[in-house]
Amino acid sequence: MRACSPFETRDMTKRIPQFKNEDGERKFWATANPAEYLDWPSGKRLKVLANRRDVPYQSLLKVFLAERLVRERRSIYMMSLV
């Protein structure tokens, strides 16, 4: 029987704690390893995409996040016009 890798199961990811405020969350992420809290199947896909684009996966993640924030902002703006 072979051992499961973190890419094969979500059971190996840690739960992100609940924070009382943004300052507490900021302190947590300043020392925590985000890879331990990542959904590894998604993380693996992100790394594959980043390799295809020849960029670090962290940079690609920032691009995806920025694009999503723009979409959300537009959506909120459009809803306010109705």
PDB file of N, CA and C in Angstrom:
ATOM      1  N   MET A   1       0.839  -1.182   0.000  1.00  0.00           N
ATOM      2  CA  MET A   1       0.000   0.000   0.000  1.00  0.00           C
ATOM      3  C   MET A   1       0.882   1.242   0.000  1.00  0.00           C
ATOM      4  N   ARG A   2       0.633   2.131  -0.928  1.00  0.00           N
ATOM      5  CA  ARG A   2       1.463   3.330  -1.003  1.00  0.00           C
ATOM      6  C   ARG A   2       0.833   4.468  -0.212  1.00  0.00           C
ATOM      7  N   ALA A   3       1.662   5.385   0.234  1.00  0.00           N
ATOM      8  CA  ALA A   3       1.176   6.528   1.013  1.00  0.00           C
ATOM      9  C   ALA A   3       0.554   7.562   0.088  1.00  0.00           C
ATOM     10  N   CYS A   4      -0.436   8.271   0.581  1.00  0.00           N
ATOM     11  CA  CYS A   4      -1.075   9.347  -0.189  1.00  0.00           C
ATOM     12  C   CYS A   4      -0.195  10.583  -0.133  1.00  0.00           C
ATOM     13  N   SER A   5      -0.146  11.288  -1.227  1.00  0.00           N
ATOM     14  CA  SER A   5       0.567  12.565  -1.242  1.00  0.00           C
ATOM     15  C   SER A   5      -0.436  13.677  -0.975  1.00  0.00           C
ATOM     16  N   PRO A   6       0.035  14.869  -0.603  1.00  0.00           N
ATOM     17  CA  PRO A   6      -0.894  15.972  -0.370  1.00  0.00           C
ATOM     18  C   PRO A   6      -1.632  16.385  -1.643  1.00  0.00           C
ATOM     19  N   PHE A   7      -1.157  15.944  -2.808  1.00  0.00           N
ATOM     20  CA  PHE A   7      -1.836  16.269  -4.057  1.00  0.00           C
ATOM     21  C   PHE A   7      -3.062  15.383  -4.282  1.00  0.00           C
ATOM     22  N   GLU A   8      -3.210  14.333  -3.509  1.00  0.00           N
ATOM     23  CA  GLU A   8      -4.282  13.374  -3.733  1.00  0.00           C
ATOM     24  C   GLU A   8      -5.448  13.507  -2.762  1.00  0.00           C
ATOM     25  N   THR A   9      -5.277  14.235  -1.685  1.00  0.00           N
ATOM     26  CA  THR A   9      -6.344  14.322  -0.697  1.00  0.00           C
ATOM     27  C   THR A   9      -6.392  15.699  -0.067  1.00  0.00           C
ATOM     28  N   ARG A  10      -7.588  16.123   0.282  1.00  0.00           N
ATOM     29  CA  ARG A  10      -7.733  17.403   0.962  1.00  0.00           C
ATOM     30  C   ARG A  10      -7.602  17.234   2.469  1.00  0.00           C
ATOM     31  N   ASP A  11      -7.592  16.007   2.952  1.00  0.00           N
ATOM     32  CA  ASP A  11      -7.537  15.763   4.384  1.00  0.00           C
ATOM     33  C   ASP A  11      -6.236  16.242   5.008  1.00  0.00           C
ATOM     34  N   MET A  12      -5.213  16.463   4.198  1.00  0.00           N
ATOM     35  CA  MET A  12      -3.917  16.834   4.740  1.00  0.00           C
ATOM     36  C   MET A  12      -3.758  18.343   4.894  1.00  0.00           C
ATOM     37  N   THR A  13      -4.740  19.130   4.427  1.00  0.00           N
ATOM     38  CA  THR A  13      -4.622  20.569   4.584  1.00  0.00           C
ATOM     39  C   THR A  13      -5.068  20.976   5.978  1.00  0.00           C
ATOM     40  N   LYS A  14      -4.443  21.998   6.495  1.00  0.00           N
ATOM     41  CA  LYS A  14      -4.796  22.514   7.809  1.00  0.00           C
ATOM     42  C   LYS A  14      -5.988  23.464   7.672  1.00  0.00           C
ATOM     43  N   ARG A  15      -6.739  23.593   8.732  1.00  0.00           N
ATOM     44  CA  ARG A  15      -7.857  24.536   8.751  1.00  0.00           C
ATOM     45  C   ARG A  15      -7.329  25.926   9.103  1.00  0.00           C
ATOM     46  N   ILE A  16      -7.832  26.928   8.410  1.00  0.00           N
ATOM     47  CA  ILE A  16      -7.475  28.305   8.710  1.00  0.00           C
ATOM     48  C   ILE A  16      -8.266  28.720   9.945  1.00  0.00           C
ATOM     49  N   PRO A  17      -7.600  29.255  10.965  1.00  0.00           N
ATOM     50  CA  PRO A  17      -8.314  29.625  12.195  1.00  0.00           C
ATOM     51  C   PRO A  17      -9.239  30.826  11.967  1.00  0.00           C
ATOM     52  N   GLN A  18     -10.196  30.976  12.872  1.00  0.00           N
ATOM     53  CA  GLN A  18     -11.059  32.163  12.871  1.00  0.00           C
ATOM     54  C   GLN A  18     -10.284  33.299  13.537  1.00  0.00           C
ATOM     55  N   PHE A  19     -10.406  34.493  12.984  1.00  0.00           N
ATOM     56  CA  PHE A  19      -9.672  35.637  13.512  1.00  0.00           C
ATOM     57  C   PHE A  19     -10.639  36.647  14.107  1.00  0.00           C
ATOM     58  N   LYS A  20     -10.207  37.299  15.164  1.00  0.00           N
ATOM     59  CA  LYS A  20     -11.042  38.319  15.807  1.00  0.00           C
ATOM     60  C   LYS A  20     -11.011  39.624  15.021  1.00  0.00           C
ATOM     61  N   ASN A  21      -9.899  39.859  14.330  1.00  0.00           N
ATOM     62  CA  ASN A  21      -9.760  41.102  13.560  1.00  0.00           C
ATOM     63  C   ASN A  21      -8.675  40.923  12.498  1.00  0.00           C
ATOM     64  N   GLU A  22      -8.538  41.925  11.639  1.00  0.00           N
ATOM     65  CA  GLU A  22      -7.547  41.857  10.557  1.00  0.00           C
ATOM     66  C   GLU A  22      -6.123  41.834  11.088  1.00  0.00           C
ATOM     67  N   ASP A  23      -5.886  42.508  12.195  1.00  0.00           N
ATOM     68  CA  ASP A  23      -4.533  42.525  12.760  1.00  0.00           C
ATOM     69  C   ASP A  23      -4.100  41.118  13.166  1.00  0.00           C
ATOM     70  N   GLY A  24      -5.022  40.375  13.790  1.00  0.00           N
ATOM     71  CA  GLY A  24      -4.721  38.994  14.166  1.00  0.00           C
ATOM     72  C   GLY A  24      -4.464  38.123  12.952  1.00  0.00           C
ATOM     73  N   GLU A  25      -5.252  38.336  11.896  1.00  0.00           N
ATOM     74  CA  GLU A  25      -5.060  37.566  10.662  1.00  0.00           C
ATOM     75  C   GLU A  25      -3.723  37.912  10.020  1.00  0.00           C
ATOM     76  N   ARG A  26      -3.389  39.187  10.019  1.00  0.00           N
ATOM     77  CA  ARG A  26      -2.116  39.637   9.436  1.00  0.00           C
ATOM     78  C   ARG A  26      -0.937  38.995  10.161  1.00  0.00           C
ATOM     79  N   LYS A  27      -1.000  38.956  11.489  1.00  0.00           N
ATOM     80  CA  LYS A  27       0.079  38.344  12.277  1.00  0.00           C
ATOM     81  C   LYS A  27       0.189  36.847  11.988  1.00  0.00           C
ATOM     82  N   PHE A  28      -0.960  36.194  11.856  1.00  0.00           N
ATOM     83  CA  PHE A  28      -0.958  34.762  11.564  1.00  0.00           C
ATOM     84  C   PHE A  28      -0.265  34.479  10.232  1.00  0.00           C
ATOM     85  N   TRP A  29      -0.676  35.189   9.168  1.00  0.00           N
ATOM     86  CA  TRP A  29      -0.121  34.913   7.841  1.00  0.00           C
ATOM     87  C   TRP A  29       1.326  35.375   7.699  1.00  0.00           C
ATOM     88  N   ALA A  30       1.782  36.251   8.594  1.00  0.00           N
ATOM     89  CA  ALA A  30       3.185  36.688   8.555  1.00  0.00           C
ATOM     90  C   ALA A  30       4.122  35.540   8.896  1.00  0.00           C
ATOM     91  N   THR A  31       3.628  34.544   9.652  1.00  0.00           N
ATOM     92  CA  THR A  31       4.479  33.433  10.050  1.00  0.00           C
ATOM     93  C   THR A  31       4.021  32.078   9.511  1.00  0.00           C
ATOM     94  N   ALA A  32       2.782  31.981   9.059  1.00  0.00           N
ATOM     95  CA  ALA A  32       2.240  30.701   8.587  1.00  0.00           C
ATOM     96  C   ALA A  32       2.739  30.387   7.177  1.00  0.00           C
ATOM     97  N   ASN A  33       2.807  29.113   6.864  1.00  0.00           N
ATOM     98  CA  ASN A  33       3.161  28.658   5.522  1.00  0.00           C
ATOM     99  C   ASN A  33       1.864  28.437   4.742  1.00  0.00           C
ATOM    100  N   PRO A  34       1.536  29.311   3.785  1.00  0.00           N
ATOM    101  CA  PRO A  34       0.273  29.174   3.054  1.00  0.00           C
ATOM    102  C   PRO A  34       0.116  27.817   2.377  1.00  0.00           C
ATOM    103  N   ALA A  35       1.202  27.182   2.019  1.00  0.00           N
ATOM    104  CA  ALA A  35       1.127  25.883   1.344  1.00  0.00           C
ATOM    105  C   ALA A  35       0.465  24.827   2.234  1.00  0.00           C
ATOM    106  N   GLU A  36       0.560  24.987   3.546  1.00  0.00           N
ATOM    107  CA  GLU A  36      -0.062  24.035   4.455  1.00  0.00           C
ATOM    108  C   GLU A  36      -1.580  24.193   4.519  1.00  0.00           C
ATOM    109  N   TYR A  37      -2.098  25.303   3.999  1.00  0.00           N
ATOM    110  CA  TYR A  37      -3.525  25.589   4.069  1.00  0.00           C
ATOM    111  C   TYR A  37      -4.177  25.570   2.685  1.00  0.00           C
ATOM    112  N   LEU A  38      -3.399  25.244   1.681  1.00  0.00           N
ATOM    113  CA  LEU A  38      -3.860  25.265   0.297  1.00  0.00           C
ATOM    114  C   LEU A  38      -4.542  23.960  -0.070  1.00  0.00           C
ATOM    115  N   ASP A  39      -5.609  24.062  -0.837  1.00  0.00           N
ATOM    116  CA  ASP A  39      -6.265  22.891  -1.416  1.00  0.00           C
ATOM    117  C   ASP A  39      -5.300  22.378  -2.492  1.00  0.00           C
ATOM    118  N   TRP A  40      -4.557  21.309  -2.210  1.00  0.00           N
ATOM    119  CA  TRP A  40      -3.465  20.882  -3.079  1.00  0.00           C
ATOM    120  C   TRP A  40      -3.858  20.548  -4.509  1.00  0.00           C
ATOM    121  N   PRO A  41      -5.021  19.924  -4.762  1.00  0.00           N
ATOM    122  CA  PRO A  41      -5.357  19.728  -6.180  1.00  0.00           C
ATOM    123  C   PRO A  41      -5.415  21.057  -6.939  1.00  0.00           C
ATOM    124  N   SER A  42      -5.952  22.101  -6.312  1.00  0.00           N
ATOM    125  CA  SER A  42      -5.971  23.421  -6.947  1.00  0.00           C
ATOM    126  C   SER A  42      -4.568  23.993  -7.024  1.00  0.00           C
ATOM    127  N   GLY A  43      -3.783  23.775  -5.989  1.00  0.00           N
ATOM    128  CA  GLY A  43      -2.410  24.264  -5.969  1.00  0.00           C
ATOM    129  C   GLY A  43      -1.573  23.628  -7.064  1.00  0.00           C
ATOM    130  N   LYS A  44      -1.791  22.347  -7.297  1.00  0.00           N
ATOM    131  CA  LYS A  44      -1.050  21.661  -8.351  1.00  0.00           C
ATOM    132  C   LYS A  44      -1.429  22.226  -9.716  1.00  0.00           C
ATOM    133  N   ARG A  45      -2.722  22.471  -9.920  1.00  0.00           N
ATOM    134  CA  ARG A  45      -3.165  23.041 -11.204  1.00  0.00           C
ATOM    135  C   ARG A  45      -2.591  24.442 -11.388  1.00  0.00           C
ATOM    136  N   LEU A  46      -2.546  25.204 -10.300  1.00  0.00           N
ATOM    137  CA  LEU A  46      -1.981  26.550 -10.368  1.00  0.00           C
ATOM    138  C   LEU A  46      -0.511  26.492 -10.770  1.00  0.00           C
ATOM    139  N   LYS A  47       0.230  25.561 -10.199  1.00  0.00           N
ATOM    140  CA  LYS A  47       1.646  25.442 -10.535  1.00  0.00           C
ATOM    141  C   LYS A  47       1.849  25.033 -11.990  1.00  0.00           C
ATOM    142  N   VAL A  48       0.982  24.159 -12.503  1.00  0.00           N
ATOM    143  CA  VAL A  48       1.074  23.754 -13.909  1.00  0.00           C
ATOM    144  C   VAL A  48       0.838  24.959 -14.814  1.00  0.00           C
ATOM    145  N   LEU A  49      -0.216  25.738 -14.514  1.00  0.00           N
ATOM    146  CA  LEU A  49      -0.501  26.934 -15.307  1.00  0.00           C
ATOM    147  C   LEU A  49       0.651  27.929 -15.247  1.00  0.00           C
ATOM    148  N   ALA A  50       1.202  28.120 -14.058  1.00  0.00           N
ATOM    149  CA  ALA A  50       2.313  29.059 -13.896  1.00  0.00           C
ATOM    150  C   ALA A  50       3.530  28.599 -14.695  1.00  0.00           C
ATOM    151  N   ASN A  51       3.818  27.298 -14.660  1.00  0.00           N
ATOM    152  CA  ASN A  51       4.952  26.782 -15.430  1.00  0.00           C
ATOM    153  C   ASN A  51       4.752  26.997 -16.926  1.00  0.00           C
ATOM    154  N   ARG A  52       3.520  26.809 -17.400  1.00  0.00           N
ATOM    155  CA  ARG A  52       3.241  27.039 -18.823  1.00  0.00           C
ATOM    156  C   ARG A  52       3.480  28.495 -19.211  1.00  0.00           C
ATOM    157  N   ARG A  53       3.206  29.400 -18.284  1.00  0.00           N
ATOM    158  CA  ARG A  53       3.380  30.833 -18.551  1.00  0.00           C
ATOM    159  C   ARG A  53       4.760  31.324 -18.154  1.00  0.00           C
ATOM    160  N   ASP A  54       5.557  30.426 -17.585  1.00  0.00           N
ATOM    161  CA  ASP A  54       6.920  30.745 -17.161  1.00  0.00           C
ATOM    162  C   ASP A  54       6.951  31.881 -16.134  1.00  0.00           C
ATOM    163  N   VAL A  55       6.056  31.782 -15.148  1.00  0.00           N
ATOM    164  CA  VAL A  55       6.024  32.747 -14.043  1.00  0.00           C
ATOM    165  C   VAL A  55       5.931  31.973 -12.731  1.00  0.00           C
ATOM    166  N   PRO A  56       6.379  32.553 -11.635  1.00  0.00           N
ATOM    167  CA  PRO A  56       6.205  31.904 -10.334  1.00  0.00           C
ATOM    168  C   PRO A  56       4.712  31.761 -10.015  1.00  0.00           C
ATOM    169  N   TYR A  57       4.332  30.659  -9.381  1.00  0.00           N
ATOM    170  CA  TYR A  57       2.917  30.439  -9.092  1.00  0.00           C
ATOM    171  C   TYR A  57       2.358  31.511  -8.170  1.00  0.00           C
ATOM    172  N   GLN A  58       3.194  32.076  -7.287  1.00  0.00           N
ATOM    173  CA  GLN A  58       2.725  33.130  -6.394  1.00  0.00           C
ATOM    174  C   GLN A  58       2.312  34.365  -7.199  1.00  0.00           C
ATOM    175  N   SER A  59       3.081  34.677  -8.237  1.00  0.00           N
ATOM    176  CA  SER A  59       2.762  35.827  -9.080  1.00  0.00           C
ATOM    177  C   SER A  59       1.481  35.583  -9.866  1.00  0.00           C
ATOM    178  N   LEU A  60       1.316  34.371 -10.373  1.00  0.00           N
ATOM    179  CA  LEU A  60       0.099  34.049 -11.110  1.00  0.00           C
ATOM    180  C   LEU A  60      -1.117  34.127 -10.193  1.00  0.00           C
ATOM    181  N   LEU A  61      -0.972  33.681  -8.978  1.00  0.00           N
ATOM    182  CA  LEU A  61      -2.062  33.756  -8.017  1.00  0.00           C
ATOM    183  C   LEU A  61      -2.449  35.212  -7.756  1.00  0.00           C
ATOM    184  N   LYS A  62      -1.475  36.091  -7.646  1.00  0.00           N
ATOM    185  CA  LYS A  62      -1.757  37.519  -7.449  1.00  0.00           C
ATOM    186  C   LYS A  62      -2.498  38.092  -8.651  1.00  0.00           C
ATOM    187  N   VAL A  63      -2.122  37.684  -9.861  1.00  0.00           N
ATOM    188  CA  VAL A  63      -2.808  38.147 -11.069  1.00  0.00           C
ATOM    189  C   VAL A  63      -4.256  37.676 -11.065  1.00  0.00           C
ATOM    190  N   PHE A  64      -4.476  36.394 -10.760  1.00  0.00           N
ATOM    191  CA  PHE A  64      -5.835  35.861 -10.713  1.00  0.00           C
ATOM    192  C   PHE A  64      -6.673  36.585  -9.668  1.00  0.00           C
ATOM    193  N   LEU A  65      -6.082  36.854  -8.524  1.00  0.00           N
ATOM    194  CA  LEU A  65      -6.797  37.542  -7.462  1.00  0.00           C
ATOM    195  C   LEU A  65      -7.154  38.967  -7.884  1.00  0.00           C
ATOM    196  N   ALA A  66      -6.217  39.666  -8.494  1.00  0.00           N
ATOM    197  CA  ALA A  66      -6.479  41.037  -8.957  1.00  0.00           C
ATOM    198  C   ALA A  66      -7.593  41.054 -10.002  1.00  0.00           C
ATOM    199  N   GLU A  67      -7.568  40.100 -10.940  1.00  0.00           N
ATOM    200  CA  GLU A  67      -8.612  40.027 -11.960  1.00  0.00           C
ATOM    201  C   GLU A  67      -9.979  39.779 -11.333  1.00  0.00           C
ATOM    202  N   ARG A  68     -10.034  38.908 -10.348  1.00  0.00           N
ATOM    203  CA  ARG A  68     -11.304  38.598  -9.692  1.00  0.00           C
ATOM    204  C   ARG A  68     -11.828  39.806  -8.915  1.00  0.00           C
ATOM    205  N   LEU A  69     -10.938  40.534  -8.276  1.00  0.00           N
ATOM    206  CA  LEU A  69     -11.358  41.719  -7.542  1.00  0.00           C
ATOM    207  C   LEU A  69     -11.945  42.771  -8.484  1.00  0.00           C
ATOM    208  N   VAL A  70     -11.359  42.926  -9.653  1.00  0.00           N
ATOM    209  CA  VAL A  70     -11.903  43.855 -10.648  1.00  0.00           C
ATOM    210  C   VAL A  70     -13.299  43.412 -11.063  1.00  0.00           C
ATOM    211  N   ARG A  71     -13.470  42.116 -11.324  1.00  0.00           N
ATOM    212  CA  ARG A  71     -14.790  41.586 -11.695  1.00  0.00           C
ATOM    213  C   ARG A  71     -15.818  41.823 -10.605  1.00  0.00           C
ATOM    214  N   GLU A  72     -15.437  41.565  -9.367  1.00  0.00           N
ATOM    215  CA  GLU A  72     -16.351  41.764  -8.243  1.00  0.00           C
ATOM    216  C   GLU A  72     -16.731  43.236  -8.106  1.00  0.00           C
ATOM    217  N   ARG A  73     -15.756  44.115  -8.255  1.00  0.00           N
ATOM    218  CA  ARG A  73     -16.006  45.546  -8.156  1.00  0.00           C
ATOM    219  C   ARG A  73     -16.990  45.989  -9.240  1.00  0.00           C
ATOM    220  N   ARG A  74     -16.800  45.506 -10.460  1.00  0.00           N
ATOM    221  CA  ARG A  74     -17.726  45.835 -11.559  1.00  0.00           C
ATOM    222  C   ARG A  74     -19.124  45.314 -11.266  1.00  0.00           C
ATOM    223  N   SER A  75     -19.199  44.109 -10.744  1.00  0.00           N
ATOM    224  CA  SER A  75     -20.489  43.504 -10.437  1.00  0.00           C
ATOM    225  C   SER A  75     -21.234  44.316  -9.381  1.00  0.00           C
ATOM    226  N   ILE A  76     -20.536  44.745  -8.353  1.00  0.00           N
ATOM    227  CA  ILE A  76     -21.154  45.550  -7.289  1.00  0.00           C
ATOM    228  C   ILE A  76     -21.613  46.881  -7.859  1.00  0.00           C
ATOM    229  N   TYR A  77     -20.796  47.472  -8.725  1.00  0.00           N
ATOM    230  CA  TYR A  77     -21.151  48.761  -9.343  1.00  0.00           C
ATOM    231  C   TYR A  77     -22.395  48.597 -10.202  1.00  0.00           C
ATOM    232  N   MET A  78     -22.456  47.532 -11.005  1.00  0.00           N
ATOM    233  CA  MET A  78     -23.608  47.327 -11.878  1.00  0.00           C
ATOM    234  C   MET A  78     -24.873  47.099 -11.052  1.00  0.00           C
ATOM    235  N   MET A  79     -24.758  46.395  -9.943  1.00  0.00           N
ATOM    236  CA  MET A  79     -25.930  46.155  -9.088  1.00  0.00           C
ATOM    237  C   MET A  79     -26.413  47.450  -8.449  1.00  0.00           C
ATOM    238  N   SER A  80     -25.516  48.386  -8.197  1.00  0.00           N
ATOM    239  CA  SER A  80     -25.919  49.645  -7.591  1.00  0.00           C
ATOM    240  C   SER A  80     -26.674  50.538  -8.571  1.00  0.00           C
ATOM    241  N   LEU A  81     -26.536  50.270  -9.869  1.00  0.00           N
ATOM    242  CA  LEU A  81     -27.230  51.057 -10.890  1.00  0.00           C
ATOM    243  C   LEU A  81     -28.678  50.629 -11.066  1.00  0.00           C
ATOM    244  N   VAL A  82     -29.000  49.441 -10.601  1.00  0.00           N
ATOM    245  CA  VAL A  82     -30.355  48.913 -10.791  1.00  0.00           C
ATOM    246  C   VAL A  82     -31.319  49.515  -9.805  1.00  0.00           C
TER     247      VAL A  82
END
